[in-house]
Amino acid sequence: MPANSYLRDVLETTEAERLATGFIFTEGPLWHPGGYWYFVDIRQNKLFRLTPGKEPEVVRNTIGGNGTTSTCRAAWSCVGG
């Protein structure tokens, strides 16, 4: 089944939107129910939080972090860093 046939049922829009620029190589992303994204810029060794309509903010510096995941005990964790 082509992706477009069911994406319209679950998404508000199927159009891509650029939320921010200036990153080198990003991994993640992880959507948080609080209304924002977590993602890692591997080359900058930083974990970011991006709330739509706002500038990205650095949550913490990482050492080799290469993605994000959520757990029952924490809102996020940075994989590998």
C-alpha atoms as a PDB file:
ATOM      1  CA  MET A   1       0.000   0.000   0.000  1.00  0.00           C
ATOM      2  CA  PRO A   2       1.502   3.382  -0.964  1.00  0.00           C
ATOM      3  CA  ALA A   3       2.434   5.547   2.026  1.00  0.00           C
ATOM      4  CA  ASN A   4       0.320   8.498   0.864  1.00  0.00           C
ATOM      5  CA  SER A   5      -2.855   6.456   1.043  1.00  0.00           C
ATOM      6  CA  TYR A   6      -2.835   6.199   4.851  1.00  0.00           C
ATOM      7  CA  LEU A   7      -0.649   9.127   5.980  1.00  0.00           C
ATOM      8  CA  ARG A   8      -3.507  11.559   5.332  1.00  0.00           C
ATOM      9  CA  ASP A   9      -5.560   9.671   7.918  1.00  0.00           C
ATOM     10  CA  VAL A  10      -3.035  10.162  10.740  1.00  0.00           C
ATOM     11  CA  LEU A  11      -1.222  13.420   9.916  1.00  0.00           C
ATOM     12  CA  GLU A  12      -2.490  16.978   9.798  1.00  0.00           C
ATOM     13  CA  THR A  13      -0.440  17.493   6.642  1.00  0.00           C
ATOM     14  CA  THR A  14       1.857  15.391   4.490  1.00  0.00           C
ATOM     15  CA  GLU A  15       3.884  18.450   3.440  1.00  0.00           C
ATOM     16  CA  ALA A  16       7.446  18.662   4.768  1.00  0.00           C
ATOM     17  CA  GLU A  17       8.284  21.734   6.844  1.00  0.00           C
ATOM     18  CA  ARG A  18      11.783  22.979   7.733  1.00  0.00           C
ATOM     19  CA  LEU A  19      11.808  23.780  11.446  1.00  0.00           C
ATOM     20  CA  ALA A  20      15.455  24.838  11.840  1.00  0.00           C
ATOM     21  CA  THR A  21      18.816  24.939  10.059  1.00  0.00           C
ATOM     22  CA  GLY A  22      22.477  25.157  10.985  1.00  0.00           C
ATOM     23  CA  PHE A  23      23.114  21.552  11.980  1.00  0.00           C
ATOM     24  CA  ILE A  24      25.796  19.268  10.593  1.00  0.00           C
ATOM     25  CA  PHE A  25      24.600  15.659  10.997  1.00  0.00           C
ATOM     26  CA  THR A  26      21.461  14.991  13.041  1.00  0.00           C
ATOM     27  CA  GLU A  27      20.069  11.773  14.537  1.00  0.00           C
ATOM     28  CA  GLY A  28      16.929  11.065  16.496  1.00  0.00           C
ATOM     29  CA  PRO A  29      14.426  12.641  16.315  1.00  0.00           C
ATOM     30  CA  LEU A  30      12.193  11.873  19.263  1.00  0.00           C
ATOM     31  CA  TRP A  31       8.798  13.562  19.662  1.00  0.00           C
ATOM     32  CA  HIS A  32       7.919  14.385  23.262  1.00  0.00           C
ATOM     33  CA  PRO A  33       4.231  14.574  24.264  1.00  0.00           C
ATOM     34  CA  GLY A  34       5.005  18.010  25.742  1.00  0.00           C
ATOM     35  CA  GLY A  35       5.057  19.364  22.173  1.00  0.00           C
ATOM     36  CA  TYR A  36       8.725  19.352  21.188  1.00  0.00           C
ATOM     37  CA  TRP A  37      11.416  17.261  19.504  1.00  0.00           C
ATOM     38  CA  TYR A  38      14.693  15.946  20.920  1.00  0.00           C
ATOM     39  CA  PHE A  39      17.527  15.223  18.504  1.00  0.00           C
ATOM     40  CA  VAL A  40      21.312  14.957  18.497  1.00  0.00           C
ATOM     41  CA  ASP A  41      23.763  16.709  16.227  1.00  0.00           C
ATOM     42  CA  ILE A  42      26.480  14.068  16.141  1.00  0.00           C
ATOM     43  CA  ARG A  43      29.241  16.307  14.773  1.00  0.00           C
ATOM     44  CA  GLN A  44      28.561  19.067  17.326  1.00  0.00           C
ATOM     45  CA  ASN A  45      28.174  16.540  20.197  1.00  0.00           C
ATOM     46  CA  LYS A  46      24.984  18.239  21.404  1.00  0.00           C
ATOM     47  CA  LEU A  47      21.481  17.150  22.351  1.00  0.00           C
ATOM     48  CA  PHE A  48      18.857  19.706  21.260  1.00  0.00           C
ATOM     49  CA  ARG A  49      15.227  20.370  22.092  1.00  0.00           C
ATOM     50  CA  LEU A  50      13.165  21.988  19.350  1.00  0.00           C
ATOM     51  CA  THR A  51       9.739  23.416  20.020  1.00  0.00           C
ATOM     52  CA  PRO A  52       7.947  24.339  16.775  1.00  0.00           C
ATOM     53  CA  GLY A  53       7.971  28.116  16.327  1.00  0.00           C
ATOM     54  CA  LYS A  54      10.998  28.615  18.612  1.00  0.00           C
ATOM     55  CA  GLU A  55      14.772  28.475  18.229  1.00  0.00           C
ATOM     56  CA  PRO A  56      16.438  25.135  19.064  1.00  0.00           C
ATOM     57  CA  GLU A  57      18.000  24.975  22.527  1.00  0.00           C
ATOM     58  CA  VAL A  58      20.958  22.895  23.682  1.00  0.00           C
ATOM     59  CA  VAL A  59      19.866  20.481  26.404  1.00  0.00           C
ATOM     60  CA  ARG A  60      23.343  19.110  27.039  1.00  0.00           C
ATOM     61  CA  ASN A  61      26.684  18.395  25.467  1.00  0.00           C
ATOM     62  CA  THR A  62      27.281  14.760  24.579  1.00  0.00           C
ATOM     63  CA  ILE A  63      30.289  12.584  23.905  1.00  0.00           C
ATOM     64  CA  GLY A  64      29.484  10.504  20.858  1.00  0.00           C
ATOM     65  CA  GLY A  65      25.722  10.652  21.323  1.00  0.00           C
ATOM     66  CA  ASN A  66      24.039   9.320  18.203  1.00  0.00           C
ATOM     67  CA  GLY A  67      20.302   9.306  18.778  1.00  0.00           C
ATOM     68  CA  THR A  68      17.521   9.597  21.325  1.00  0.00           C
ATOM     69  CA  THR A  69      15.079   7.290  23.006  1.00  0.00           C
ATOM     70  CA  SER A  70      12.551   7.604  25.789  1.00  0.00           C
ATOM     71  CA  THR A  71      12.208   5.425  28.843  1.00  0.00           C
ATOM     72  CA  CYS A  72       9.629   4.945  31.575  1.00  0.00           C
ATOM     73  CA  ARG A  73      11.885   6.725  34.083  1.00  0.00           C
ATOM     74  CA  ALA A  74      13.183   9.615  32.005  1.00  0.00           C
ATOM     75  CA  ALA A  75      11.730  11.927  29.400  1.00  0.00           C
ATOM     76  CA  TRP A  76      14.733  11.195  27.165  1.00  0.00           C
ATOM     77  CA  SER A  77      18.121   9.639  27.011  1.00  0.00           C
ATOM     78  CA  CYS A  78      20.951  10.183  24.604  1.00  0.00           C
ATOM     79  CA  VAL A  79      22.131   6.934  23.095  1.00  0.00           C
ATOM     80  CA  GLY A  80      25.879   6.423  23.272  1.00  0.00           C
ATOM     81  CA  GLY A  81      26.733   9.691  24.945  1.00  0.00           C
END
